[in-house]
Amino acid sequence: EISRVTRSPSFSMKRFLNLAAAGLLSLLTVTTFSNCAVLLIGAAVGTAVYLEGELESSLATDIHGAVAATNKAAQDLGLRPVSRTGDETGALMIAMDQEERKVRVELTPEELNTRVTNVSIRVGVGNEEASRRILAAIERNLR
């Protein structure tokens, strides 16, 4: 005689949640390694991602506001600009910090004429703490 195995309703829900979690983890892993994690995870303005020596985030302002905030942040932090270039499609500031490390701040509008600007910051060969200080100073100057 073959006995029948009964399953409780919680078993199927538990299995579903495990499969969903595994699928989400797989998706995040794939997107992280393809450098698209920012699009799926951090698309919100203000989310900062540190990846391969660069801190990347989005600012709730147009390119002109982002440039002004970056220039003020550089002044506040004692950065010495070496070069500044820019137009409607983006801006780049190269500076030296007080420890003589190269600082690179790149600003790119999300789309032309929008109120969102992407920012990428690299200090030296990749200093996350210093990059986050610069980002915080830029964000303070947006207000």
N, C-alpha and C. Protein backbone atom coordinates (compact mmCIF):
# COMPACT_ATOMS: atom_id res chain seq x y z
N GLU A 1 0.85 -1.17 0.00
CA GLU A 1 0.00 0.00 0.00
C GLU A 1 0.90 1.24 0.00
N ILE A 2 0.56 2.19 -0.82
CA ILE A 2 1.31 3.45 -0.91
C ILE A 2 0.65 4.46 0.00
N SER A 3 1.45 5.02 0.87
CA SER A 3 0.88 6.02 1.78
C SER A 3 0.96 7.40 1.14
N ARG A 4 0.06 8.21 1.48
CA ARG A 4 -0.02 9.55 0.94
C ARG A 4 0.69 10.53 1.86
N VAL A 5 1.51 11.40 1.30
CA VAL A 5 2.20 12.41 2.09
C VAL A 5 1.43 13.70 1.96
N THR A 6 1.06 14.24 3.07
CA THR A 6 0.35 15.52 3.03
C THR A 6 1.34 16.62 3.36
N ARG A 7 1.18 17.72 2.68
CA ARG A 7 2.06 18.88 2.90
C ARG A 7 1.24 19.99 3.51
N SER A 8 1.85 20.63 4.44
CA SER A 8 1.16 21.77 5.05
C SER A 8 1.26 22.96 4.12
N PRO A 9 0.30 23.88 4.18
CA PRO A 9 0.34 25.07 3.32
C PRO A 9 1.60 25.90 3.53
N SER A 10 2.15 25.90 4.74
CA SER A 10 3.35 26.70 4.99
C SER A 10 4.56 26.17 4.24
N PHE A 11 4.57 24.86 3.95
CA PHE A 11 5.69 24.29 3.21
C PHE A 11 5.80 24.91 1.82
N SER A 12 4.70 25.03 1.12
CA SER A 12 4.75 25.58 -0.23
C SER A 12 5.11 27.07 -0.19
N MET A 13 4.63 27.80 0.81
CA MET A 13 4.98 29.22 0.93
C MET A 13 6.47 29.36 1.26
N LYS A 14 6.96 28.51 2.15
CA LYS A 14 8.38 28.55 2.52
C LYS A 14 9.25 28.25 1.29
N ARG A 15 8.85 27.27 0.53
CA ARG A 15 9.60 26.92 -0.68
C ARG A 15 9.58 28.07 -1.68
N PHE A 16 8.42 28.69 -1.85
CA PHE A 16 8.30 29.83 -2.75
C PHE A 16 9.22 30.97 -2.32
N LEU A 17 9.23 31.28 -1.02
CA LEU A 17 10.08 32.36 -0.52
C LEU A 17 11.56 32.03 -0.70
N ASN A 18 11.94 30.78 -0.49
CA ASN A 18 13.33 30.38 -0.71
C ASN A 18 13.73 30.53 -2.18
N LEU A 19 12.84 30.10 -3.07
CA LEU A 19 13.12 30.23 -4.50
C LEU A 19 13.20 31.70 -4.91
N ALA A 20 12.30 32.50 -4.38
CA ALA A 20 12.30 33.94 -4.70
C ALA A 20 13.59 34.60 -4.21
N ALA A 21 14.01 34.25 -3.00
CA ALA A 21 15.24 34.81 -2.45
C ALA A 21 16.45 34.38 -3.28
N ALA A 22 16.48 33.11 -3.68
CA ALA A 22 17.59 32.62 -4.50
C ALA A 22 17.60 33.33 -5.86
N GLY A 23 16.44 33.54 -6.43
CA GLY A 23 16.35 34.24 -7.72
C GLY A 23 16.83 35.67 -7.61
N LEU A 24 16.43 36.36 -6.54
CA LEU A 24 16.86 37.75 -6.33
C LEU A 24 18.35 37.82 -6.13
N LEU A 25 18.90 36.90 -5.34
CA LEU A 25 20.34 36.87 -5.12
C LEU A 25 21.08 36.64 -6.43
N SER A 26 20.59 35.74 -7.25
CA SER A 26 21.21 35.49 -8.55
C SER A 26 21.17 36.72 -9.44
N LEU A 27 20.02 37.40 -9.45
CA LEU A 27 19.87 38.61 -10.25
C LEU A 27 20.83 39.69 -9.79
N LEU A 28 20.94 39.88 -8.47
CA LEU A 28 21.86 40.90 -7.94
C LEU A 28 23.30 40.56 -8.27
N THR A 29 23.66 39.29 -8.17
CA THR A 29 25.02 38.88 -8.49
C THR A 29 25.35 39.14 -9.96
N VAL A 30 24.45 38.77 -10.83
CA VAL A 30 24.68 38.97 -12.27
C VAL A 30 24.78 40.45 -12.58
N THR A 31 23.87 41.26 -12.04
CA THR A 31 23.90 42.69 -12.36
C THR A 31 25.08 43.39 -11.74
N THR A 32 25.52 42.93 -10.56
CA THR A 32 26.69 43.55 -9.94
C THR A 32 27.92 43.33 -10.80
N PHE A 33 28.10 42.11 -11.30
CA PHE A 33 29.29 41.83 -12.09
C PHE A 33 29.21 42.41 -13.50
N SER A 34 28.05 42.85 -13.92
CA SER A 34 27.96 43.49 -15.23
C SER A 34 27.89 45.01 -15.11
N ASN A 35 28.20 45.53 -13.90
CA ASN A 35 28.22 46.97 -13.63
C ASN A 35 26.87 47.64 -13.85
N CYS A 36 25.79 46.91 -13.75
CA CYS A 36 24.46 47.48 -13.90
C CYS A 36 23.73 47.55 -12.57
N ALA A 37 24.43 47.28 -11.49
CA ALA A 37 23.77 47.24 -10.19
C ALA A 37 23.15 48.58 -9.84
N VAL A 38 23.78 49.65 -10.25
CA VAL A 38 23.25 50.97 -9.94
C VAL A 38 21.87 51.15 -10.56
N LEU A 39 21.65 50.62 -11.75
CA LEU A 39 20.36 50.76 -12.40
C LEU A 39 19.27 50.02 -11.67
N LEU A 40 19.57 48.85 -11.14
CA LEU A 40 18.55 48.04 -10.50
C LEU A 40 18.42 48.31 -9.01
N ILE A 41 19.54 48.56 -8.34
CA ILE A 41 19.51 48.70 -6.90
C ILE A 41 19.49 50.17 -6.49
N GLY A 42 20.35 50.97 -7.08
CA GLY A 42 20.53 52.31 -6.59
C GLY A 42 20.06 53.38 -7.54
N ALA A 43 18.96 53.17 -8.17
CA ALA A 43 18.48 54.16 -9.12
C ALA A 43 17.96 55.41 -8.43
N ALA A 44 17.70 55.33 -7.15
CA ALA A 44 17.19 56.49 -6.43
C ALA A 44 18.29 57.53 -6.26
N VAL A 45 17.91 58.78 -6.31
CA VAL A 45 18.85 59.87 -6.09
C VAL A 45 19.35 59.78 -4.66
N GLY A 46 20.65 59.95 -4.48
CA GLY A 46 21.23 59.93 -3.16
C GLY A 46 21.83 58.59 -2.76
N THR A 47 21.66 57.58 -3.56
CA THR A 47 22.24 56.28 -3.28
C THR A 47 23.66 56.27 -3.83
N ALA A 48 24.63 56.00 -2.96
CA ALA A 48 26.03 55.99 -3.38
C ALA A 48 26.55 54.57 -3.43
N VAL A 49 27.28 54.25 -4.50
CA VAL A 49 27.87 52.93 -4.67
C VAL A 49 29.36 53.10 -4.88
N TYR A 50 30.17 52.39 -4.09
CA TYR A 50 31.62 52.42 -4.24
C TYR A 50 32.04 51.16 -4.96
N LEU A 51 32.61 51.31 -6.15
CA LEU A 51 32.95 50.17 -6.97
C LEU A 51 34.25 50.45 -7.72
N GLU A 52 35.19 49.55 -7.60
CA GLU A 52 36.48 49.63 -8.31
C GLU A 52 37.17 50.98 -8.11
N GLY A 53 37.18 51.48 -6.87
CA GLY A 53 37.90 52.71 -6.56
C GLY A 53 37.16 54.00 -6.82
N GLU A 54 35.93 53.91 -7.31
CA GLU A 54 35.14 55.11 -7.59
C GLU A 54 33.84 55.09 -6.82
N LEU A 55 33.48 56.26 -6.31
CA LEU A 55 32.19 56.42 -5.64
C LEU A 55 31.24 57.05 -6.65
N GLU A 56 30.10 56.40 -6.86
CA GLU A 56 29.13 56.89 -7.84
C GLU A 56 27.80 57.14 -7.14
N SER A 57 27.18 58.26 -7.49
CA SER A 57 25.89 58.61 -6.91
C SER A 57 25.14 59.50 -7.89
N SER A 58 23.94 59.90 -7.50
CA SER A 58 23.14 60.83 -8.29
C SER A 58 22.75 62.00 -7.42
N LEU A 59 22.74 63.18 -8.02
CA LEU A 59 22.39 64.40 -7.31
C LEU A 59 21.07 64.93 -7.85
N ALA A 60 20.25 65.46 -6.97
CA ALA A 60 18.94 65.99 -7.37
C ALA A 60 19.09 67.44 -7.82
N THR A 61 19.81 67.63 -8.92
CA THR A 61 20.00 68.96 -9.49
C THR A 61 20.43 68.81 -10.94
N ASP A 62 20.32 69.89 -11.68
CA ASP A 62 20.82 69.87 -13.05
C ASP A 62 22.33 70.02 -13.05
N ILE A 63 22.94 69.97 -14.22
CA ILE A 63 24.40 70.02 -14.33
C ILE A 63 24.97 71.33 -13.76
N HIS A 64 24.25 72.43 -13.94
CA HIS A 64 24.74 73.73 -13.44
C HIS A 64 24.77 73.76 -11.92
N GLY A 65 23.73 73.24 -11.30
CA GLY A 65 23.70 73.16 -9.84
C GLY A 65 24.77 72.24 -9.30
N ALA A 66 25.01 71.13 -10.00
CA ALA A 66 26.02 70.17 -9.57
C ALA A 66 27.42 70.77 -9.67
N VAL A 67 27.68 71.53 -10.73
CA VAL A 67 28.99 72.18 -10.89
C VAL A 67 29.20 73.21 -9.79
N ALA A 68 28.20 74.02 -9.51
CA ALA A 68 28.31 75.04 -8.46
C ALA A 68 28.55 74.38 -7.10
N ALA A 69 27.81 73.31 -6.80
CA ALA A 69 27.97 72.61 -5.52
C ALA A 69 29.35 71.96 -5.42
N THR A 70 29.85 71.43 -6.51
CA THR A 70 31.17 70.80 -6.53
C THR A 70 32.27 71.83 -6.32
N ASN A 71 32.16 72.98 -6.99
CA ASN A 71 33.15 74.05 -6.81
C ASN A 71 33.17 74.55 -5.37
N LYS A 72 32.00 74.71 -4.77
CA LYS A 72 31.91 75.17 -3.38
C LYS A 72 32.47 74.11 -2.44
N ALA A 73 32.17 72.83 -2.69
CA ALA A 73 32.70 71.75 -1.87
C ALA A 73 34.23 71.71 -1.94
N ALA A 74 34.77 71.89 -3.14
CA ALA A 74 36.23 71.91 -3.30
C ALA A 74 36.84 73.03 -2.46
N GLN A 75 36.21 74.17 -2.49
CA GLN A 75 36.69 75.31 -1.70
C GLN A 75 36.59 75.00 -0.20
N ASP A 76 35.45 74.47 0.23
CA ASP A 76 35.24 74.14 1.64
C ASP A 76 36.25 73.13 2.16
N LEU A 77 36.62 72.16 1.32
CA LEU A 77 37.52 71.08 1.73
C LEU A 77 39.00 71.39 1.48
N GLY A 78 39.28 72.53 0.90
CA GLY A 78 40.66 72.91 0.64
C GLY A 78 41.28 72.17 -0.52
N LEU A 79 40.47 71.74 -1.46
CA LEU A 79 41.00 71.10 -2.66
C LEU A 79 41.53 72.18 -3.59
N ARG A 80 42.65 71.89 -4.26
CA ARG A 80 43.24 72.82 -5.21
C ARG A 80 42.97 72.33 -6.63
N PRO A 81 42.01 72.96 -7.32
CA PRO A 81 41.72 72.53 -8.69
C PRO A 81 42.92 72.71 -9.60
N VAL A 82 43.20 71.70 -10.41
CA VAL A 82 44.27 71.72 -11.40
C VAL A 82 43.66 72.03 -12.77
N SER A 83 42.49 71.42 -13.03
CA SER A 83 41.80 71.70 -14.28
C SER A 83 40.30 71.51 -14.07
N ARG A 84 39.55 72.29 -14.86
CA ARG A 84 38.10 72.19 -14.87
C ARG A 84 37.64 72.32 -16.31
N THR A 85 36.84 71.37 -16.73
CA THR A 85 36.26 71.45 -18.07
C THR A 85 34.79 71.11 -17.95
N GLY A 86 34.01 71.60 -18.89
CA GLY A 86 32.61 71.25 -18.84
C GLY A 86 31.74 72.03 -19.80
N ASP A 87 30.59 71.45 -20.07
CA ASP A 87 29.55 72.08 -20.86
C ASP A 87 28.22 71.44 -20.48
N GLU A 88 27.22 71.53 -21.31
CA GLU A 88 25.90 70.98 -21.01
C GLU A 88 25.90 69.45 -20.91
N THR A 89 26.88 68.80 -21.51
CA THR A 89 26.89 67.33 -21.53
C THR A 89 27.69 66.72 -20.38
N GLY A 90 28.39 67.55 -19.60
CA GLY A 90 29.14 67.02 -18.47
C GLY A 90 30.25 67.95 -18.04
N ALA A 91 30.83 67.63 -16.90
CA ALA A 91 31.92 68.45 -16.36
C ALA A 91 32.93 67.53 -15.66
N LEU A 92 34.17 67.97 -15.64
CA LEU A 92 35.24 67.22 -14.99
C LEU A 92 36.13 68.19 -14.24
N MET A 93 36.37 67.89 -12.97
CA MET A 93 37.31 68.68 -12.18
C MET A 93 38.41 67.74 -11.70
N ILE A 94 39.64 68.12 -11.95
CA ILE A 94 40.81 67.42 -11.42
C ILE A 94 41.41 68.37 -10.38
N ALA A 95 41.68 67.85 -9.18
CA ALA A 95 42.22 68.69 -8.11
C ALA A 95 43.22 67.88 -7.30
N MET A 96 43.89 68.55 -6.41
CA MET A 96 44.78 67.90 -5.45
C MET A 96 44.23 68.17 -4.06
N ASP A 97 44.25 67.14 -3.20
CA ASP A 97 43.78 67.36 -1.84
C ASP A 97 44.95 67.75 -0.95
N GLN A 98 44.70 67.92 0.34
CA GLN A 98 45.74 68.37 1.26
C GLN A 98 46.84 67.34 1.48
N GLU A 99 46.56 66.09 1.12
CA GLU A 99 47.56 65.03 1.23
C GLU A 99 48.25 64.77 -0.11
N GLU A 100 48.07 65.71 -1.06
CA GLU A 100 48.68 65.63 -2.39
C GLU A 100 48.20 64.43 -3.21
N ARG A 101 46.96 64.00 -2.96
CA ARG A 101 46.36 62.95 -3.77
C ARG A 101 45.53 63.60 -4.88
N LYS A 102 45.53 62.95 -6.02
CA LYS A 102 44.72 63.42 -7.15
C LYS A 102 43.25 63.13 -6.86
N VAL A 103 42.41 64.13 -7.07
CA VAL A 103 40.97 64.01 -6.89
C VAL A 103 40.32 64.23 -8.25
N ARG A 104 39.45 63.31 -8.63
CA ARG A 104 38.76 63.41 -9.92
C ARG A 104 37.26 63.37 -9.64
N VAL A 105 36.55 64.44 -10.03
CA VAL A 105 35.11 64.51 -9.87
C VAL A 105 34.50 64.71 -11.25
N GLU A 106 33.71 63.74 -11.69
CA GLU A 106 33.06 63.82 -12.99
C GLU A 106 31.56 63.93 -12.80
N LEU A 107 30.95 64.89 -13.50
CA LEU A 107 29.51 65.13 -13.44
C LEU A 107 28.90 64.91 -14.81
N THR A 108 27.83 64.13 -14.86
CA THR A 108 27.16 63.84 -16.12
C THR A 108 25.65 63.92 -15.91
N PRO A 109 24.97 64.73 -16.71
CA PRO A 109 23.51 64.77 -16.56
C PRO A 109 22.89 63.41 -16.89
N GLU A 110 21.86 63.06 -16.13
CA GLU A 110 21.14 61.80 -16.40
C GLU A 110 20.64 61.82 -17.84
N GLU A 111 20.04 62.90 -18.23
CA GLU A 111 19.63 63.18 -19.60
C GLU A 111 19.78 64.67 -19.77
N LEU A 112 19.90 65.15 -20.96
CA LEU A 112 19.99 66.59 -21.14
C LEU A 112 18.75 67.28 -20.59
N ASN A 113 18.97 68.39 -19.93
CA ASN A 113 17.90 69.22 -19.37
C ASN A 113 17.08 68.54 -18.30
N THR A 114 17.67 67.65 -17.52
CA THR A 114 16.95 67.04 -16.41
C THR A 114 17.46 67.59 -15.09
N ARG A 115 16.80 67.23 -14.04
CA ARG A 115 17.19 67.67 -12.70
C ARG A 115 17.93 66.59 -11.94
N VAL A 116 18.56 65.66 -12.66
CA VAL A 116 19.36 64.63 -12.02
C VAL A 116 20.73 64.59 -12.70
N THR A 117 21.77 64.67 -11.87
CA THR A 117 23.14 64.63 -12.39
C THR A 117 23.89 63.50 -11.70
N ASN A 118 24.53 62.66 -12.48
CA ASN A 118 25.35 61.58 -11.93
C ASN A 118 26.72 62.14 -11.58
N VAL A 119 27.27 61.67 -10.46
CA VAL A 119 28.59 62.11 -10.02
C VAL A 119 29.45 60.88 -9.77
N SER A 120 30.71 60.98 -10.20
CA SER A 120 31.69 59.91 -9.99
C SER A 120 32.92 60.56 -9.36
N ILE A 121 33.36 60.02 -8.23
CA ILE A 121 34.47 60.60 -7.48
C ILE A 121 35.54 59.54 -7.25
N ARG A 122 36.79 59.91 -7.54
CA ARG A 122 37.93 59.03 -7.25
C ARG A 122 38.99 59.88 -6.58
N VAL A 123 39.51 59.38 -5.46
CA VAL A 123 40.59 60.04 -4.74
C VAL A 123 41.79 59.10 -4.75
N GLY A 124 42.91 59.57 -5.30
CA GLY A 124 44.11 58.74 -5.37
C GLY A 124 43.84 57.50 -6.21
N VAL A 125 44.34 56.37 -5.74
CA VAL A 125 44.10 55.11 -6.45
C VAL A 125 42.78 54.48 -6.04
N GLY A 126 42.08 55.15 -5.13
CA GLY A 126 40.79 54.67 -4.67
C GLY A 126 40.68 54.74 -3.16
N ASN A 127 40.23 55.86 -2.64
CA ASN A 127 40.07 56.05 -1.20
C ASN A 127 38.60 56.32 -0.94
N GLU A 128 37.90 55.31 -0.42
CA GLU A 128 36.45 55.42 -0.23
C GLU A 128 36.10 56.50 0.79
N GLU A 129 36.80 56.53 1.90
CA GLU A 129 36.48 57.50 2.96
C GLU A 129 36.60 58.94 2.45
N ALA A 130 37.68 59.26 1.76
CA ALA A 130 37.86 60.61 1.23
C ALA A 130 36.82 60.91 0.15
N SER A 131 36.49 59.93 -0.67
CA SER A 131 35.47 60.12 -1.70
C SER A 131 34.11 60.43 -1.08
N ARG A 132 33.77 59.72 -0.01
CA ARG A 132 32.49 59.95 0.67
C ARG A 132 32.45 61.33 1.33
N ARG A 133 33.59 61.81 1.85
CA ARG A 133 33.64 63.17 2.42
C ARG A 133 33.35 64.21 1.34
N ILE A 134 33.93 64.02 0.17
CA ILE A 134 33.71 64.96 -0.93
C ILE A 134 32.25 64.92 -1.37
N LEU A 135 31.67 63.74 -1.51
CA LEU A 135 30.26 63.62 -1.88
C LEU A 135 29.36 64.30 -0.85
N ALA A 136 29.65 64.09 0.43
CA ALA A 136 28.85 64.74 1.48
C ALA A 136 28.93 66.26 1.39
N ALA A 137 30.11 66.78 1.08
CA ALA A 137 30.28 68.23 0.95
C ALA A 137 29.51 68.75 -0.27
N ILE A 138 29.55 68.00 -1.36
CA ILE A 138 28.78 68.41 -2.56
C ILE A 138 27.29 68.43 -2.22
N GLU A 139 26.80 67.38 -1.57
CA GLU A 139 25.37 67.30 -1.22
C GLU A 139 24.96 68.42 -0.27
N ARG A 140 25.83 68.77 0.68
CA ARG A 140 25.54 69.90 1.60
C ARG A 140 25.35 71.21 0.82
N ASN A 141 26.14 71.36 -0.22
CA ASN A 141 26.09 72.61 -0.99
C ASN A 141 24.95 72.66 -1.99
N LEU A 142 24.20 71.59 -2.13
CA LEU A 142 23.02 71.61 -3.01
C LEU A 142 21.86 72.30 -2.33
N ARG A 143 21.87 72.38 -1.03
CA ARG A 143 20.74 72.91 -0.27
C ARG A 143 20.82 74.38 -0.08
